[in-house]
Amino acid sequence: MSAPNKAVVAALETLLADSYTLYLKTHSYHWNVTGPMFSTLHTMFETHYTELALAVDEIAERIRSVGAPAPGSYTQFMERATVKEDTTVPAAMDMVTQLAEDHRAVADSARKVVKAAGDAGDDATEDLGVRRIDVHEKTAWMLRSHLE
């Protein structure tokens, strides 16, 4: 087996770190949301973090498939993530705003996966990136719709 493509692995590692950080933030917001939109947001956040839990596994397994070890610690994720953790408990609509911005950022990370994989001729990784862009753009739109 040839050595893993460093650009592909780096892009996947960032996507994994961003996705895991967003998973954790979404789960925290699910636990801590309050207010008149509680039921709607609590349920929606659960749907989102459940999807992200599956996504991080798929991304990590893709990193393994291309021949690299998958990062798996908070330290490694924080070194790679563009999405920032939130140690506060914002108001419900601030949670929605933050998550919409974070989903846009993860879509941008997925675009970098698509570019690196396309340049490397790695169709499977490119497909994973395209599917992640679709999920995050749709989720960002749904979240933004709550702010109108």
Protein backbone atom coordinates (compact mmCIF):
# COMPACT_ATOMS: atom_id res chain seq x y z
CA MET A 1 0.00 0.00 0.00
CA SER A 2 1.29 3.45 -0.86
CA ALA A 3 1.74 6.18 1.70
CA PRO A 4 -1.41 8.15 2.51
CA ASN A 5 -1.87 11.45 0.69
CA LYS A 6 -0.93 14.07 3.30
CA ALA A 7 -3.29 16.75 1.97
CA VAL A 8 -6.24 14.34 1.98
CA VAL A 9 -5.45 13.14 5.50
CA ALA A 10 -5.00 16.70 6.81
CA ALA A 11 -8.32 17.80 5.30
CA LEU A 12 -10.09 14.74 6.72
CA GLU A 13 -8.56 15.34 10.15
CA THR A 14 -9.87 18.91 10.17
CA LEU A 15 -13.30 17.71 9.06
CA LEU A 16 -13.26 15.10 11.83
CA ALA A 17 -12.17 17.64 14.46
CA ASP A 18 -14.78 20.17 13.33
CA SER A 19 -17.51 17.55 13.23
CA TYR A 20 -16.67 16.21 16.67
CA THR A 21 -16.48 19.69 18.18
CA LEU A 22 -19.84 20.54 16.62
CA TYR A 23 -21.24 17.23 17.90
CA LEU A 24 -20.18 18.09 21.44
CA LYS A 25 -21.48 21.66 21.23
CA THR A 26 -24.80 20.52 19.80
CA HIS A 27 -25.17 17.90 22.52
CA SER A 28 -24.44 20.50 25.20
CA TYR A 29 -26.98 22.88 23.71
CA HIS A 30 -29.52 20.02 23.61
CA TRP A 31 -29.00 19.48 27.34
CA ASN A 32 -29.10 23.16 28.26
CA VAL A 33 -31.59 24.87 25.96
CA THR A 34 -34.47 26.69 27.68
CA GLY A 35 -37.28 29.02 26.74
CA PRO A 36 -40.45 29.03 24.66
CA MET A 37 -38.78 27.05 21.83
CA PHE A 38 -37.45 24.40 24.24
CA SER A 39 -39.27 21.38 22.85
CA THR A 40 -38.60 22.21 19.21
CA LEU A 41 -34.92 23.04 19.73
CA HIS A 42 -34.27 20.19 22.17
CA THR A 43 -35.62 17.70 19.62
CA MET A 44 -33.89 19.34 16.65
CA PHE A 45 -30.52 19.43 18.42
CA GLU A 46 -30.91 15.73 19.24
CA THR A 47 -31.48 14.96 15.56
CA HIS A 48 -28.39 16.97 14.66
CA TYR A 49 -26.03 15.44 17.23
CA THR A 50 -27.24 11.95 16.36
CA GLU A 51 -26.38 12.55 12.70
CA LEU A 52 -22.99 13.98 13.71
CA ALA A 53 -22.23 10.92 15.86
CA LEU A 54 -22.57 8.73 12.79
CA ALA A 55 -20.61 11.19 10.67
CA VAL A 56 -17.55 11.29 12.93
CA ASP A 57 -17.33 7.51 12.77
CA GLU A 58 -17.52 7.54 8.97
CA ILE A 59 -14.88 10.27 8.70
CA ALA A 60 -12.51 8.54 11.14
CA GLU A 61 -12.92 5.25 9.29
CA ARG A 62 -12.14 7.00 6.01
CA ILE A 63 -8.91 8.31 7.53
CA ARG A 64 -8.06 4.72 8.47
CA SER A 65 -9.04 3.52 4.98
CA VAL A 66 -6.55 5.86 3.35
CA GLY A 67 -3.81 4.52 5.61
CA ALA A 68 -3.46 7.03 8.43
CA PRO A 69 -4.30 6.86 12.14
CA ALA A 70 -7.43 8.77 13.10
CA PRO A 71 -7.01 11.44 15.78
CA GLY A 72 -9.20 10.68 18.77
CA SER A 73 -8.44 12.99 21.68
CA TYR A 74 -9.80 16.36 22.69
CA THR A 75 -6.27 17.78 22.41
CA GLN A 76 -5.90 16.52 18.85
CA PHE A 77 -9.33 17.82 17.91
CA MET A 78 -8.68 21.27 19.39
CA GLU A 79 -5.37 21.47 17.50
CA ARG A 80 -7.17 20.81 14.20
CA ALA A 81 -10.67 22.28 14.59
CA THR A 82 -11.84 25.53 13.10
CA VAL A 83 -15.12 25.21 15.04
CA LYS A 84 -14.60 26.49 18.56
CA GLU A 85 -16.03 24.90 21.68
CA ASP A 86 -18.49 26.82 23.84
CA THR A 87 -18.19 26.57 27.61
CA THR A 88 -21.13 28.92 28.19
CA VAL A 89 -24.88 28.40 28.09
CA PRO A 90 -26.14 30.96 25.58
CA ALA A 91 -29.75 31.97 25.13
CA ALA A 92 -31.70 29.63 22.85
CA MET A 93 -31.60 31.82 19.73
CA ASP A 94 -27.89 32.49 20.29
CA MET A 95 -27.41 28.72 20.28
CA VAL A 96 -29.24 28.53 16.97
CA THR A 97 -27.13 31.34 15.50
CA GLN A 98 -23.89 29.74 16.67
CA LEU A 99 -24.82 26.31 15.36
CA ALA A 100 -25.83 27.75 11.98
CA GLU A 101 -22.43 29.45 11.72
CA ASP A 102 -20.65 26.27 12.80
CA HIS A 103 -22.46 24.15 10.23
CA ARG A 104 -21.35 26.62 7.56
CA ALA A 105 -17.78 26.28 8.83
CA VAL A 106 -17.96 22.48 8.72
CA ALA A 107 -19.29 22.68 5.15
CA ASP A 108 -16.20 24.77 4.34
CA SER A 109 -14.00 22.07 5.89
CA ALA A 110 -15.78 19.49 3.77
CA ARG A 111 -15.07 21.60 0.66
CA LYS A 112 -11.37 21.33 1.48
CA VAL A 113 -11.77 17.55 1.65
CA VAL A 114 -13.41 17.58 -1.79
CA LYS A 115 -10.59 19.69 -3.24
CA ALA A 116 -7.77 17.61 -1.73
CA ALA A 117 -9.44 14.34 -2.69
CA GLY A 118 -10.18 15.55 -6.21
CA ASP A 119 -6.56 16.60 -6.66
CA ALA A 120 -5.47 13.16 -5.43
CA GLY A 121 -7.98 11.22 -7.56
CA ASP A 122 -9.58 9.80 -4.40
CA ASP A 123 -13.20 9.40 -5.48
CA ALA A 124 -14.44 7.82 -2.24
CA THR A 125 -13.09 10.62 -0.06
CA GLU A 126 -14.36 13.21 -2.52
CA ASP A 127 -17.84 11.65 -2.29
CA LEU A 128 -17.72 11.72 1.52
CA GLY A 129 -16.87 15.43 1.38
CA VAL A 130 -19.70 16.20 -1.02
CA ARG A 131 -22.21 14.35 1.16
CA ARG A 132 -21.00 16.26 4.24
CA ILE A 133 -21.36 19.60 2.43
CA ASP A 134 -24.97 18.73 1.62
CA VAL A 135 -25.80 17.79 5.23
CA HIS A 136 -24.19 20.88 6.76
CA GLU A 137 -25.61 23.35 4.25
CA LYS A 138 -29.11 21.95 4.76
CA THR A 139 -28.74 21.98 8.54
CA ALA A 140 -27.46 25.57 8.51
CA TRP A 141 -30.47 26.59 6.40
CA MET A 142 -32.88 24.88 8.81
CA LEU A 143 -31.26 26.60 11.78
CA ARG A 144 -31.27 30.02 10.08
CA SER A 145 -34.98 29.54 9.35
CA HIS A 146 -35.63 29.68 13.12
CA LEU A 147 -34.10 33.15 13.20
CA GLU A 148 -36.43 34.78 10.68
